[in-house]
Amino acid sequence: MGVRDLHSDLQLALRLADLADGMSMNVFTAGCFEHSTKPDGTPTILVEEAIENDIRSALARDRPEDGFLGEESGQSGDTSTSWIVDPIDGTKVFIAGGQAWGTQIALRVDGDLTLGVTSAPGLGSRWWGAVGQGAWMSNSQLREGPLKVSTGDNQKRLRWSCHPPLDIINDDWRRLTSRLQVIGDYVVPSSHAVLMVMEGQIEVALQLEGAAWDYAAFAAIVLAAGGQFSYLDSSTELGDVRPALFTNGIVHDEAIAALA
């Protein structure tokens, strides 16, 4: 495969996020929260499948040689170059009428995450980035600004958080997260813990559960902001549902060692 035009790919991803935002907000503002249950027990709403289908159709037109991996439809096409999409990340929050949900879009080329967009239209916020080109965010207070992970290192107590937050996780997850107390102090999340890493508010975020489409965009943006992503065995190849670590990069190995 030839050299990708990463800037063009990122602009396409942002347009796809605009498409998804329009569809999800039309349903959300109308209060259409009816849902069904998937075989794995998780809820789904009709708009999720519609968003994913429209994004896949747009990519089939604009990037016909690329593959696609979606939460609703699975993998299709080229697996070496795939767009990875979660049409609504936070379905339970959406159904409950909360605002902290969004669309996740990422691109993986030859096993490497190259770009990501996380768009939360209910909050009026978006985070995006491309590896080697930088990362940015926008919200209702800040029209647009750069994202950069913190420069905190192991010369002082680190700041860490987790998703879900400590106050709602089970005892097994508490035992795992308690290992981070050795290297740092827990910060009650003001938003999703991984967003706090890419915004430089904390050095370490541990997400306790997630599939490829839950992690891909987050990981790409953290990488673009100068940070690091891996599973707890240090692997970076997106795979099965399991915990993953997002850090400022400087303390990644230390955090992995603490969690081992």
Protein backbone atom coordinates (compact mmCIF):
# COMPACT_ATOMS: atom_id res chain seq x y z
CA MET A 1 0.00 0.00 0.00
CA GLY A 2 1.22 3.49 -0.82
CA VAL A 3 1.83 6.26 1.67
CA ARG A 4 -1.38 7.44 3.34
CA ASP A 5 -2.40 11.08 3.27
CA LEU A 6 -3.01 11.21 7.01
CA HIS A 7 -4.28 14.78 6.94
CA SER A 8 -6.91 13.82 4.38
CA ASP A 9 -7.83 10.74 6.41
CA LEU A 10 -8.29 12.87 9.53
CA GLN A 11 -10.47 15.37 7.71
CA LEU A 12 -12.61 12.49 6.49
CA ALA A 13 -12.88 11.13 10.04
CA LEU A 14 -14.05 14.53 11.27
CA ARG A 15 -16.71 14.66 8.56
CA LEU A 16 -17.86 11.18 9.57
CA ALA A 17 -18.10 12.38 13.16
CA ASP A 18 -20.25 15.32 11.99
CA LEU A 19 -22.52 12.81 10.24
CA ALA A 20 -22.79 10.66 13.36
CA ASP A 21 -23.39 13.68 15.63
CA GLY A 22 -26.30 14.86 13.52
CA MET A 23 -27.96 11.45 13.53
CA SER A 24 -27.46 10.74 17.23
CA MET A 25 -28.57 14.21 18.38
CA ASN A 26 -31.74 14.04 16.29
CA VAL A 27 -32.72 10.89 18.18
CA PHE A 28 -31.44 12.11 21.55
CA THR A 29 -33.25 15.45 21.49
CA ALA A 30 -36.43 13.67 20.42
CA GLY A 31 -36.14 11.41 23.48
CA CYS A 32 -36.11 8.21 21.42
CA PHE A 33 -34.56 5.96 24.03
CA GLU A 34 -36.33 2.68 23.20
CA HIS A 35 -33.83 -0.15 23.06
CA SER A 36 -33.33 -3.88 22.74
CA THR A 37 -30.82 -6.27 24.26
CA LYS A 38 -28.02 -7.97 22.35
CA PRO A 39 -27.14 -11.64 22.89
CA ASP A 40 -24.27 -10.57 25.17
CA GLY A 41 -26.73 -8.74 27.43
CA THR A 42 -25.73 -5.20 26.46
CA PRO A 43 -28.36 -2.69 25.24
CA THR A 44 -28.59 -1.29 21.74
CA ILE A 45 -30.73 1.38 20.09
CA LEU A 46 -31.77 1.55 16.45
CA VAL A 47 -29.74 4.67 15.72
CA GLU A 48 -26.48 2.83 16.49
CA GLU A 49 -26.92 0.49 13.55
CA ALA A 50 -28.04 3.39 11.33
CA ILE A 51 -24.97 5.48 12.22
CA GLU A 52 -22.63 2.58 11.61
CA ASN A 53 -24.27 1.74 8.27
CA ASP A 54 -24.01 5.35 7.07
CA ILE A 55 -20.37 5.65 8.12
CA ARG A 56 -19.55 2.34 6.43
CA SER A 57 -21.32 3.50 3.25
CA ALA A 58 -19.40 6.79 3.25
CA LEU A 59 -16.11 4.94 3.66
CA ALA A 60 -17.02 2.49 0.89
CA ARG A 61 -17.38 5.53 -1.38
CA ASP A 62 -14.37 7.57 -0.21
CA ARG A 63 -11.94 4.81 0.85
CA PRO A 64 -13.12 1.73 -1.09
CA GLU A 65 -9.90 -0.23 -0.52
CA ASP A 66 -10.03 0.11 3.28
CA GLY A 67 -11.58 -2.39 5.64
CA PHE A 68 -14.10 -1.73 8.39
CA LEU A 69 -14.56 -2.92 11.97
CA GLY A 70 -17.73 -1.83 13.74
CA GLU A 71 -19.33 -2.74 17.04
CA GLU A 72 -22.63 -3.52 15.36
CA SER A 73 -21.46 -5.25 12.16
CA GLY A 74 -18.01 -6.66 12.91
CA GLN A 75 -15.08 -6.88 10.49
CA SER A 76 -15.35 -6.59 6.71
CA GLY A 77 -12.85 -5.98 3.94
CA ASP A 78 -9.12 -5.44 4.31
CA THR A 79 -7.98 -6.28 7.84
CA SER A 80 -4.56 -4.64 7.42
CA THR A 81 -6.15 -1.22 6.95
CA SER A 82 -9.39 -0.78 8.87
CA TRP A 83 -11.58 2.02 10.11
CA ILE A 84 -12.76 1.15 13.62
CA VAL A 85 -16.10 2.56 14.73
CA ASP A 86 -18.23 2.57 17.85
CA PRO A 87 -21.40 4.42 16.74
CA ILE A 88 -22.47 5.25 20.31
CA ASP A 89 -19.99 4.64 23.10
CA GLY A 90 -22.00 4.89 26.31
CA THR A 91 -25.30 3.41 25.17
CA LYS A 92 -26.58 2.98 28.74
CA VAL A 93 -25.96 6.68 29.43
CA PHE A 94 -27.73 7.61 26.18
CA ILE A 95 -30.76 5.49 27.09
CA ALA A 96 -30.87 7.06 30.56
CA GLY A 97 -30.93 10.55 29.00
CA GLY A 98 -27.42 11.49 30.15
CA GLN A 99 -25.05 13.49 27.97
CA ALA A 100 -21.72 11.66 28.41
CA TRP A 101 -21.85 9.43 25.33
CA GLY A 102 -20.29 9.75 21.93
CA THR A 103 -19.02 8.30 18.67
CA GLN A 104 -15.55 6.75 18.36
CA ILE A 105 -13.77 6.64 14.99
CA ALA A 106 -10.20 5.44 14.39
CA LEU A 107 -7.97 4.25 11.57
CA ARG A 108 -5.51 1.36 11.90
CA VAL A 109 -2.90 0.81 9.19
CA ASP A 110 -0.65 -2.28 9.22
CA GLY A 111 -1.41 -2.83 12.90
CA ASP A 112 -0.68 0.75 13.95
CA LEU A 113 -3.32 3.23 15.06
CA THR A 114 -2.85 6.39 13.02
CA LEU A 115 -5.75 8.68 13.95
CA GLY A 116 -8.76 8.95 16.18
CA VAL A 117 -11.85 11.08 16.77
CA THR A 118 -14.00 11.03 19.89
CA SER A 119 -17.10 13.17 19.50
CA ALA A 120 -19.55 13.82 22.35
CA PRO A 121 -22.26 16.06 20.87
CA GLY A 122 -24.40 15.91 24.00
CA LEU A 123 -21.57 17.64 25.83
CA GLY A 124 -20.68 19.87 22.89
CA SER A 125 -17.15 18.43 22.94
CA ARG A 126 -14.76 16.67 20.56
CA TRP A 127 -11.21 15.29 20.79
CA TRP A 128 -9.15 14.26 17.75
CA GLY A 129 -5.62 13.66 16.59
CA ALA A 130 -3.26 11.97 14.15
CA VAL A 131 -0.04 10.30 15.22
CA GLY A 132 2.90 12.54 14.34
CA GLN A 133 0.65 15.50 13.56
CA GLY A 134 -0.76 16.42 16.96
CA ALA A 135 -4.04 16.33 18.83
CA TRP A 136 -6.77 18.88 19.55
CA MET A 137 -10.02 19.37 21.38
CA SER A 138 -13.01 21.68 21.15
CA ASN A 139 -15.92 22.38 23.46
CA SER A 140 -18.50 25.03 24.18
CA GLN A 141 -16.02 27.03 26.30
CA LEU A 142 -12.90 26.54 24.14
CA ARG A 143 -13.50 26.79 20.43
CA GLU A 144 -10.39 24.74 19.64
CA GLY A 145 -7.08 24.08 21.33
CA PRO A 146 -4.17 21.62 21.32
CA LEU A 147 -3.99 18.49 23.45
CA LYS A 148 -0.76 17.47 25.17
CA VAL A 149 -0.15 14.88 27.86
CA SER A 150 1.47 15.97 31.11
CA THR A 151 5.22 15.90 31.68
CA GLY A 152 4.83 14.47 35.19
CA ASP A 153 7.39 11.75 35.88
CA ASN A 154 8.33 9.37 38.65
CA GLN A 155 10.17 12.04 40.61
CA LYS A 156 6.88 12.93 42.28
CA ARG A 157 3.60 11.26 43.15
CA LEU A 158 1.65 10.55 40.00
CA ARG A 159 -2.01 11.27 39.42
CA TRP A 160 -4.12 8.37 38.23
CA SER A 161 -7.74 7.50 37.70
CA CYS A 162 -9.80 4.68 36.27
CA HIS A 163 -12.90 4.00 34.22
CA PRO A 164 -15.37 3.12 35.62
CA PRO A 165 -14.55 5.23 38.72
CA LEU A 166 -13.51 3.61 41.98
CA ASP A 167 -16.81 4.17 43.73
CA ILE A 168 -18.78 1.91 41.38
CA ILE A 169 -16.38 -0.93 40.52
CA ASN A 170 -16.41 -4.41 42.06
CA ASP A 171 -13.92 -5.82 44.54
CA ASP A 172 -11.81 -7.59 41.91
CA TRP A 173 -11.29 -4.35 40.00
CA ARG A 174 -10.59 -2.52 43.27
CA ARG A 175 -7.80 -4.97 44.05
CA LEU A 176 -6.27 -4.32 40.63
CA THR A 177 -6.52 -0.54 40.83
CA SER A 178 -5.13 -0.53 44.38
CA ARG A 179 -1.75 -1.51 42.94
CA LEU A 180 -1.49 1.98 41.45
CA GLN A 181 -1.56 3.47 44.95
CA VAL A 182 2.12 2.49 45.18
CA ILE A 183 3.09 4.97 42.47
CA GLY A 184 0.45 7.67 42.65
CA ASP A 185 -2.65 9.27 44.09
CA TYR A 186 -6.15 8.57 42.87
CA VAL A 187 -8.01 11.47 41.25
CA VAL A 188 -11.80 11.37 41.17
CA PRO A 189 -12.56 11.64 37.44
CA SER A 190 -14.17 14.85 36.27
CA SER A 191 -14.74 13.21 32.88
CA HIS A 192 -13.67 9.91 31.31
CA ALA A 193 -10.27 9.03 32.80
CA VAL A 194 -8.64 8.60 29.37
CA LEU A 195 -9.78 12.08 28.31
CA MET A 196 -8.05 13.40 31.44
CA VAL A 197 -4.76 11.81 30.29
CA MET A 198 -4.91 13.36 26.83
CA GLU A 199 -5.78 16.73 28.38
CA GLY A 200 -2.77 16.53 30.72
CA GLN A 201 -4.83 16.44 33.93
CA ILE A 202 -3.47 13.07 35.09
CA GLU A 203 -0.57 10.81 34.14
CA VAL A 204 -2.26 7.39 34.19
CA ALA A 205 -5.72 6.07 33.27
CA LEU A 206 -6.74 2.45 33.64
CA GLN A 207 -9.82 1.47 31.65
CA LEU A 208 -11.06 -1.78 33.11
CA GLU A 209 -13.08 -3.14 30.21
CA GLY A 210 -13.20 -2.44 26.53
CA ALA A 211 -13.21 -3.98 23.05
CA ALA A 212 -11.22 -2.76 20.05
CA TRP A 213 -13.82 -0.11 19.16
CA ASP A 214 -13.83 1.18 22.75
CA TYR A 215 -10.06 1.68 22.81
CA ALA A 216 -8.99 2.53 19.25
CA ALA A 217 -9.90 6.22 19.03
CA PHE A 218 -8.85 6.92 22.62
CA ALA A 219 -5.51 5.21 22.06
CA ALA A 220 -4.82 7.04 18.78
CA ILE A 221 -5.55 10.45 20.34
CA VAL A 222 -3.41 9.71 23.41
CA LEU A 223 -0.57 8.66 21.09
CA ALA A 224 -1.03 11.82 19.01
CA ALA A 225 -0.91 13.90 22.21
CA GLY A 226 2.45 12.35 23.13
CA GLY A 227 1.29 9.54 25.39
CA GLN A 228 1.22 5.75 25.30
CA PHE A 229 -1.33 2.93 25.19
CA SER A 230 -1.08 -0.80 25.87
CA TYR A 231 -2.77 -3.72 27.52
CA LEU A 232 -1.42 -4.82 30.88
CA ASP A 233 0.91 -7.35 29.24
CA SER A 234 2.44 -4.44 27.26
CA SER A 235 0.90 -5.60 23.97
CA THR A 236 -0.65 -2.96 21.73
CA GLU A 237 -2.51 -5.10 19.18
CA LEU A 238 -6.21 -4.46 19.69
CA GLY A 239 -8.02 -7.61 20.72
CA ASP A 240 -10.41 -9.12 23.23
CA VAL A 241 -12.23 -7.29 26.01
CA ARG A 242 -9.76 -6.65 28.84
CA PRO A 243 -8.20 -3.80 30.84
CA ALA A 244 -5.94 -1.29 29.10
CA LEU A 245 -3.58 1.43 30.23
CA PHE A 246 -3.28 4.98 28.87
CA THR A 247 -0.43 7.16 30.17
CA ASN A 248 1.70 10.18 29.42
CA GLY A 249 4.35 7.74 28.16
CA ILE A 250 7.03 8.76 30.65
CA VAL A 251 5.57 6.58 33.41
CA HIS A 252 4.08 3.82 31.28
CA ASP A 253 6.59 1.11 32.21
CA GLU A 254 6.33 2.01 35.88
CA ALA A 255 2.55 1.73 35.78
CA ILE A 256 2.70 -1.59 33.91
CA ALA A 257 5.10 -2.95 36.53
CA ALA A 258 2.79 -1.88 39.35
CA LEU A 259 -0.16 -3.62 37.73
CA ALA A 260 1.68 -6.81 36.77
